[in-house]
Amino acid sequence: MEFSEDNISRFGISFQNQEKHQEDVAVAIEEEIVASHQLVVYNDEVNSFDYVIITLMEVCEHSPEQAEQCTLQIHFRGRCGVKSGEFDELVSMRNEICRRGISAEIETFE
């Protein structure tokens, strides 16, 4: 059924008698500032690509492709944010990566 004035009048709908209301509504927007945390791994001249890839797969649960991409960024850019999340969640990952001899830190930003 197409929309037309004939269809509206056939159903007995009239907008002419409708009261017009204007209501001012104040909406309070409450913003919660949530600090974001990122686990950053840094390049070194000690660990092999394969070792870093395996570490990211085991510790951060990366896919092989994701771990390889991160490792390439670590190598060419000197660092890569490999995981984002809650600080408490990232601490154990950072500790394990560092235990394996790879440099990593948790960066916080807003």
N, C-alpha and C. Protein backbone atom coordinates (compact mmCIF):
# COMPACT_ATOMS: atom_id res chain seq x y z
N MET A 1 0.85 -1.17 0.00
CA MET A 1 0.00 0.00 0.00
C MET A 1 0.90 1.23 0.00
N GLU A 2 0.62 2.15 -0.88
CA GLU A 2 1.39 3.38 -0.97
C GLU A 2 0.84 4.42 -0.02
N PHE A 3 1.70 5.31 0.40
CA PHE A 3 1.29 6.40 1.28
C PHE A 3 0.70 7.52 0.45
N SER A 4 -0.54 7.90 0.77
CA SER A 4 -1.16 9.04 0.09
C SER A 4 -2.22 9.63 1.00
N GLU A 5 -2.67 10.83 0.67
CA GLU A 5 -3.70 11.48 1.48
C GLU A 5 -5.00 10.70 1.45
N ASP A 6 -5.30 10.04 0.32
CA ASP A 6 -6.52 9.23 0.22
C ASP A 6 -6.49 8.09 1.23
N ASN A 7 -5.32 7.44 1.39
CA ASN A 7 -5.21 6.34 2.35
C ASN A 7 -5.39 6.82 3.78
N ILE A 8 -4.87 8.01 4.08
CA ILE A 8 -5.00 8.55 5.43
C ILE A 8 -6.46 8.84 5.74
N SER A 9 -7.18 9.49 4.80
CA SER A 9 -8.58 9.82 5.06
C SER A 9 -9.44 8.57 5.11
N ARG A 10 -9.08 7.54 4.39
CA ARG A 10 -9.84 6.29 4.40
C ARG A 10 -9.82 5.64 5.78
N PHE A 11 -8.71 5.84 6.52
CA PHE A 11 -8.62 5.26 7.85
C PHE A 11 -9.11 6.22 8.93
N GLY A 12 -9.60 7.37 8.54
CA GLY A 12 -10.14 8.31 9.52
C GLY A 12 -9.09 9.00 10.37
N ILE A 13 -7.92 9.14 9.84
CA ILE A 13 -6.84 9.79 10.58
C ILE A 13 -6.77 11.24 10.15
N SER A 14 -6.81 12.11 11.12
CA SER A 14 -6.69 13.53 10.81
C SER A 14 -5.67 14.13 11.76
N PHE A 15 -4.75 14.85 11.18
CA PHE A 15 -3.72 15.49 11.98
C PHE A 15 -4.06 16.95 12.26
N GLN A 16 -5.15 17.44 11.71
CA GLN A 16 -5.50 18.84 11.88
C GLN A 16 -5.92 19.16 13.30
N ASN A 17 -6.52 18.23 13.98
CA ASN A 17 -7.02 18.49 15.33
C ASN A 17 -6.03 18.08 16.42
N GLN A 18 -4.91 17.61 16.02
CA GLN A 18 -3.91 17.20 16.99
C GLN A 18 -3.37 18.43 17.71
N GLU A 19 -3.24 18.31 19.02
CA GLU A 19 -2.64 19.40 19.78
C GLU A 19 -1.14 19.39 19.54
N LYS A 20 -0.61 20.59 19.43
CA LYS A 20 0.83 20.68 19.24
C LYS A 20 1.49 20.94 20.59
N HIS A 21 2.43 20.11 20.90
CA HIS A 21 3.14 20.23 22.18
C HIS A 21 4.62 20.42 21.90
N GLN A 22 5.15 21.32 22.63
CA GLN A 22 6.60 21.47 22.59
C GLN A 22 7.10 21.30 24.01
N GLU A 23 7.99 20.43 24.17
CA GLU A 23 8.47 20.13 25.50
C GLU A 23 9.98 20.28 25.52
N ASP A 24 10.44 21.08 26.46
CA ASP A 24 11.88 21.23 26.62
C ASP A 24 12.36 20.15 27.57
N VAL A 25 13.27 19.40 27.10
CA VAL A 25 13.79 18.32 27.91
C VAL A 25 15.29 18.55 28.09
N ALA A 26 15.67 18.63 29.33
CA ALA A 26 17.09 18.77 29.63
C ALA A 26 17.66 17.38 29.83
N VAL A 27 18.64 17.08 29.06
CA VAL A 27 19.26 15.77 29.15
C VAL A 27 20.65 15.97 29.74
N ALA A 28 20.85 15.30 30.82
CA ALA A 28 22.17 15.37 31.46
C ALA A 28 23.02 14.24 30.90
N ILE A 29 24.10 14.60 30.30
CA ILE A 29 25.01 13.61 29.77
C ILE A 29 26.15 13.46 30.76
N GLU A 30 26.25 12.28 31.24
CA GLU A 30 27.28 12.02 32.22
C GLU A 30 28.36 11.19 31.55
N GLU A 31 29.53 11.76 31.45
CA GLU A 31 30.63 11.07 30.82
C GLU A 31 31.54 10.49 31.89
N GLU A 32 31.84 9.25 31.71
CA GLU A 32 32.77 8.61 32.61
C GLU A 32 34.10 8.48 31.88
N ILE A 33 35.12 9.05 32.44
CA ILE A 33 36.44 8.98 31.82
C ILE A 33 37.07 7.67 32.27
N VAL A 34 37.31 6.84 31.29
CA VAL A 34 37.89 5.54 31.57
C VAL A 34 39.30 5.53 30.98
N ALA A 35 40.23 5.27 31.84
CA ALA A 35 41.61 5.20 31.37
C ALA A 35 41.80 3.93 30.56
N SER A 36 42.46 4.05 29.44
CA SER A 36 42.74 2.90 28.60
C SER A 36 44.16 2.43 28.86
N HIS A 37 44.33 1.15 28.81
CA HIS A 37 45.64 0.57 29.07
C HIS A 37 46.04 -0.28 27.88
N GLN A 38 47.31 -0.21 27.57
CA GLN A 38 47.82 -0.97 26.44
C GLN A 38 49.15 -1.61 26.82
N LEU A 39 49.26 -2.89 26.48
CA LEU A 39 50.50 -3.62 26.69
C LEU A 39 51.39 -3.38 25.47
N VAL A 40 52.53 -2.77 25.69
CA VAL A 40 53.43 -2.41 24.60
C VAL A 40 54.70 -3.25 24.71
N VAL A 41 55.07 -3.87 23.59
CA VAL A 41 56.29 -4.67 23.52
C VAL A 41 57.31 -3.89 22.71
N TYR A 42 58.57 -3.88 23.18
CA TYR A 42 59.64 -3.11 22.56
C TYR A 42 60.63 -4.02 21.83
N ASN A 43 61.24 -3.45 20.81
CA ASN A 43 62.23 -4.18 20.02
C ASN A 43 63.52 -4.36 20.81
N ASP A 44 64.20 -5.44 20.53
CA ASP A 44 65.54 -5.66 21.08
C ASP A 44 66.36 -6.39 20.02
N GLU A 45 67.62 -6.50 20.27
CA GLU A 45 68.52 -7.18 19.32
C GLU A 45 68.83 -8.60 19.78
N VAL A 46 68.08 -9.10 20.74
CA VAL A 46 68.39 -10.40 21.34
C VAL A 46 67.46 -11.50 20.86
N ASN A 47 66.14 -11.24 20.93
CA ASN A 47 65.15 -12.29 20.67
C ASN A 47 64.83 -12.41 19.18
N SER A 48 64.61 -13.65 18.74
CA SER A 48 64.30 -13.90 17.33
C SER A 48 62.83 -13.60 17.04
N PHE A 49 62.54 -13.43 15.76
CA PHE A 49 61.16 -13.22 15.34
C PHE A 49 60.28 -14.37 15.82
N ASP A 50 60.75 -15.59 15.59
CA ASP A 50 59.95 -16.76 15.96
C ASP A 50 59.66 -16.80 17.45
N TYR A 51 60.64 -16.45 18.25
CA TYR A 51 60.46 -16.47 19.71
C TYR A 51 59.41 -15.44 20.14
N VAL A 52 59.45 -14.25 19.57
CA VAL A 52 58.48 -13.22 19.91
C VAL A 52 57.09 -13.62 19.42
N ILE A 53 57.01 -14.18 18.23
CA ILE A 53 55.72 -14.64 17.69
C ILE A 53 55.10 -15.70 18.60
N ILE A 54 55.89 -16.68 18.98
CA ILE A 54 55.40 -17.75 19.87
C ILE A 54 54.96 -17.18 21.21
N THR A 55 55.73 -16.24 21.74
CA THR A 55 55.38 -15.62 23.02
C THR A 55 54.04 -14.89 22.93
N LEU A 56 53.84 -14.11 21.86
CA LEU A 56 52.57 -13.39 21.71
C LEU A 56 51.39 -14.35 21.54
N MET A 57 51.62 -15.46 20.86
CA MET A 57 50.55 -16.45 20.70
C MET A 57 50.21 -17.11 22.04
N GLU A 58 51.22 -17.45 22.81
CA GLU A 58 50.99 -18.14 24.08
C GLU A 58 50.48 -17.20 25.17
N VAL A 59 51.07 -16.02 25.27
CA VAL A 59 50.74 -15.13 26.39
C VAL A 59 49.50 -14.27 26.09
N CYS A 60 49.45 -13.71 24.89
CA CYS A 60 48.36 -12.78 24.54
C CYS A 60 47.23 -13.45 23.76
N GLU A 61 47.40 -14.74 23.48
CA GLU A 61 46.42 -15.51 22.71
C GLU A 61 46.18 -14.92 21.32
N HIS A 62 47.26 -14.45 20.69
CA HIS A 62 47.18 -13.95 19.32
C HIS A 62 47.11 -15.12 18.35
N SER A 63 46.49 -14.87 17.21
CA SER A 63 46.56 -15.83 16.11
C SER A 63 47.97 -15.74 15.54
N PRO A 64 48.39 -16.75 14.77
CA PRO A 64 49.73 -16.66 14.17
C PRO A 64 49.90 -15.41 13.31
N GLU A 65 48.88 -15.05 12.54
CA GLU A 65 48.96 -13.87 11.69
C GLU A 65 49.07 -12.59 12.51
N GLN A 66 48.27 -12.50 13.56
CA GLN A 66 48.29 -11.31 14.42
C GLN A 66 49.65 -11.18 15.11
N ALA A 67 50.17 -12.29 15.61
CA ALA A 67 51.48 -12.27 16.28
C ALA A 67 52.58 -11.87 15.31
N GLU A 68 52.51 -12.35 14.08
CA GLU A 68 53.52 -12.00 13.08
C GLU A 68 53.46 -10.51 12.74
N GLN A 69 52.25 -9.99 12.57
CA GLN A 69 52.10 -8.56 12.26
C GLN A 69 52.65 -7.69 13.40
N CYS A 70 52.32 -8.06 14.63
CA CYS A 70 52.83 -7.30 15.78
C CYS A 70 54.35 -7.36 15.83
N THR A 71 54.91 -8.54 15.57
CA THR A 71 56.36 -8.70 15.61
C THR A 71 57.04 -7.85 14.54
N LEU A 72 56.44 -7.77 13.37
CA LEU A 72 56.99 -6.91 12.32
C LEU A 72 56.96 -5.43 12.74
N GLN A 73 55.86 -5.02 13.37
CA GLN A 73 55.78 -3.63 13.86
C GLN A 73 56.81 -3.38 14.96
N ILE A 74 56.98 -4.34 15.83
CA ILE A 74 57.99 -4.21 16.89
C ILE A 74 59.37 -4.02 16.26
N HIS A 75 59.66 -4.81 15.24
CA HIS A 75 60.97 -4.75 14.60
C HIS A 75 61.19 -3.44 13.86
N PHE A 76 60.21 -3.04 13.04
CA PHE A 76 60.41 -1.87 12.18
C PHE A 76 60.10 -0.54 12.86
N ARG A 77 59.17 -0.53 13.80
CA ARG A 77 58.80 0.71 14.48
C ARG A 77 59.43 0.84 15.87
N GLY A 78 59.98 -0.25 16.35
CA GLY A 78 60.62 -0.21 17.66
C GLY A 78 59.70 -0.56 18.81
N ARG A 79 58.41 -0.67 18.53
CA ARG A 79 57.44 -1.00 19.58
C ARG A 79 56.09 -1.30 18.94
N CYS A 80 55.23 -1.96 19.69
CA CYS A 80 53.87 -2.24 19.21
C CYS A 80 52.96 -2.48 20.40
N GLY A 81 51.79 -1.88 20.37
CA GLY A 81 50.76 -2.17 21.36
C GLY A 81 50.12 -3.50 20.99
N VAL A 82 50.41 -4.52 21.77
CA VAL A 82 49.98 -5.87 21.41
C VAL A 82 48.66 -6.28 22.05
N LYS A 83 48.23 -5.54 23.07
CA LYS A 83 46.97 -5.90 23.74
C LYS A 83 46.45 -4.69 24.49
N SER A 84 45.13 -4.48 24.43
CA SER A 84 44.47 -3.42 25.19
C SER A 84 43.51 -4.06 26.18
N GLY A 85 43.29 -3.36 27.29
CA GLY A 85 42.35 -3.91 28.26
C GLY A 85 42.50 -3.28 29.62
N GLU A 86 41.93 -3.94 30.61
CA GLU A 86 42.02 -3.50 31.99
C GLU A 86 43.44 -3.70 32.51
N PHE A 87 43.87 -2.79 33.34
CA PHE A 87 45.24 -2.84 33.87
C PHE A 87 45.53 -4.18 34.54
N ASP A 88 44.60 -4.63 35.39
CA ASP A 88 44.81 -5.88 36.13
C ASP A 88 44.96 -7.09 35.20
N GLU A 89 44.26 -7.05 34.09
CA GLU A 89 44.34 -8.13 33.11
C GLU A 89 45.70 -8.14 32.40
N LEU A 90 46.23 -6.95 32.16
CA LEU A 90 47.47 -6.84 31.40
C LEU A 90 48.72 -7.09 32.24
N VAL A 91 48.62 -6.91 33.55
CA VAL A 91 49.79 -7.06 34.42
C VAL A 91 50.39 -8.46 34.31
N SER A 92 49.56 -9.48 34.37
CA SER A 92 50.09 -10.85 34.32
C SER A 92 50.71 -11.15 32.95
N MET A 93 50.13 -10.58 31.89
CA MET A 93 50.71 -10.77 30.55
C MET A 93 52.08 -10.08 30.46
N ARG A 94 52.14 -8.86 30.96
CA ARG A 94 53.41 -8.13 30.95
C ARG A 94 54.48 -8.88 31.73
N ASN A 95 54.10 -9.37 32.91
CA ASN A 95 55.07 -10.10 33.74
C ASN A 95 55.59 -11.34 33.02
N GLU A 96 54.71 -12.06 32.36
CA GLU A 96 55.14 -13.28 31.66
C GLU A 96 56.02 -12.95 30.46
N ILE A 97 55.67 -11.90 29.72
CA ILE A 97 56.50 -11.50 28.57
C ILE A 97 57.89 -11.09 29.06
N CYS A 98 57.95 -10.32 30.12
CA CYS A 98 59.24 -9.90 30.68
C CYS A 98 60.02 -11.09 31.24
N ARG A 99 59.32 -12.03 31.85
CA ARG A 99 59.97 -13.24 32.37
C ARG A 99 60.66 -14.01 31.24
N ARG A 100 60.11 -13.91 30.05
CA ARG A 100 60.67 -14.58 28.88
C ARG A 100 61.79 -13.76 28.22
N GLY A 101 62.15 -12.63 28.82
CA GLY A 101 63.27 -11.85 28.33
C GLY A 101 62.93 -10.83 27.25
N ILE A 102 61.67 -10.50 27.13
CA ILE A 102 61.23 -9.52 26.14
C ILE A 102 60.78 -8.27 26.89
N SER A 103 61.18 -7.09 26.39
CA SER A 103 60.84 -5.83 27.05
C SER A 103 59.38 -5.47 26.77
N ALA A 104 58.63 -5.18 27.84
CA ALA A 104 57.23 -4.80 27.70
C ALA A 104 56.84 -3.89 28.86
N GLU A 105 55.92 -2.98 28.59
CA GLU A 105 55.38 -2.09 29.61
C GLU A 105 53.88 -1.90 29.36
N ILE A 106 53.20 -1.47 30.41
CA ILE A 106 51.78 -1.11 30.28
C ILE A 106 51.71 0.39 30.25
N GLU A 107 51.12 0.93 29.18
CA GLU A 107 50.95 2.36 29.05
C GLU A 107 49.50 2.71 29.31
N THR A 108 49.31 3.80 30.04
CA THR A 108 47.97 4.27 30.36
C THR A 108 47.75 5.61 29.66
N PHE A 109 46.60 5.76 29.04
CA PHE A 109 46.27 7.02 28.39
C PHE A 109 44.78 7.26 28.49
N GLU A 110 44.39 8.53 28.43
CA GLU A 110 42.98 8.88 28.53
C GLU A 110 42.50 9.49 27.24
